[in-house]
Amino acid sequence: MTAPTQAPELAPQTNAHIDPAAQVADAGFVPVQTRSERPRSFDPQDFGAPTGREVNWKHTPIAQLKPLLETAGASEGVTYAFSDERYLSTPLAHGTAPRGEFFVPEDVVSAVAWQGAAEALHLSIPADEEVAEPIVVTIDGTGGRADAHLVIEAGRHSVATVVLQHSGTAEYAQNVEIIVRDGAKLKLVTVQRWEDDAVHAAAHQARVDRDAELTHIVVSLGGGVVRVNPNVELAGAGSHGYLYGLSFADSGQHLESQVYLHHKGSHTTGDVLYKGALHGESAHSVWIGDVLIGPDATGTDSYEANRNLVLTEGARADSIPNLEIQTGDIAGAGHASATGRFDDEQLFYLQARGISEEEARRLVVFGFLTEVVQRIGIPSLQDELIAALEAELEAVTK
């Protein structure tokens, strides 16, 4: 179906659900594979319940996400706190701009969150304003079920950093709508440090306008099932998108990101780098990276990469990079994926210089992961995450 551009109150509903089994049975159709072709709708009924055969669900433990397939009702499962409420605007009801200016759900959980969040939180950075300190949104799970829609809007030529800090436990379906207007620079960091029983599925959709820049960073270190899927459209000429991610999965954890970067405007620049480490039996990470360079995205320069370090037997990392180019006039494009164990040469090099095997292993893992942490550019948050990684590494080297 063609993606609607308005909220469901303003646009007629059509049937968006595509049944994979029916597609296979009908020789005239094939299952939807590319991210750009996936159906979108504000109505959960248009998607139906996922079966696990769909391309966007086949690596996800659907049974654990079952609570997120129905709206939360009162949405009392989380509380919110803001480091600076000056930028918190009036909540946005369905059909109230800029809510829905760009965002259209890509899956049933996102559509549920859209319907369940009667009012959207709205962080608005005024045009031409440069915000000196990060705006921190603390999202604390209180053990219940919650739906949420957040709109983060950077006005023309503004500069700001927003941090979403998740902790506690909850069953949380979350949409984050990001609008970076002409000439603005926005950095969004989302940190997931949930308790082990938390379930969190988030859809981040961003539009980056002319000569604007978005740096989007996902850090997932805690939670039972955490699925944060960024979708970034470089809509304006000369826009930039930098998408970085870091995860450390322990035994029993499922940490997932399905990343989509759409180069739509001309002379756009994109850089995607996600890194993950896995330790413990049944630790599981999923990274699916899709880059689409559209027919009008001439002069584009884009690269995506995913690197995973498997530290113990029984851990599993699924890594799937995809690149689609619809114009021959580009500056460059590429993708890469690698998953492996400790580099024996690195360990030998360190041990040959008097470093114990335990410390050598710690240094290799720490050096591998901190590349992403250093790109955050917020010293206090970087120190906090480095301490958290140190704690994770203690278990690895014991």
Foldseek 3Di string as FASTA:
>chain_A
DDFDQAFCVVDPDDQQADDQVVQVVDPVHHADDALVPFTWALALVSHPQDDLPHNVRVQPPSVLLVVLLAAQAVFPFKDKDKPDCPQWDDWAAGGRPPVSNPDTDRHNSQSSLSVNARTATEGEAEAPAEDDDAIEMEIEGPAEEHHHEYEYEYHAQYEHEYEYHYEEAYSYRYEYEYEADHNYEYEYEYEAAYAAAHHYAYEYEYEHAALYEYEYEYEYEHYQEYEYEYAYEDAYANYEYEYEYEYEFEANHEAEYEYEYEQHAAQYEYEAEYEYEYYYANGEYEYEYEYEYDARHAAYAYEYEYEYEYQDPRYYYHYHYYYHYDYPHYPYYYYYYYYYYDDVVQLCVVVVVVDDSLVSVLVRVLVRRCVRLVVSPDVVVSVVVSVVSVVVSVVSSD
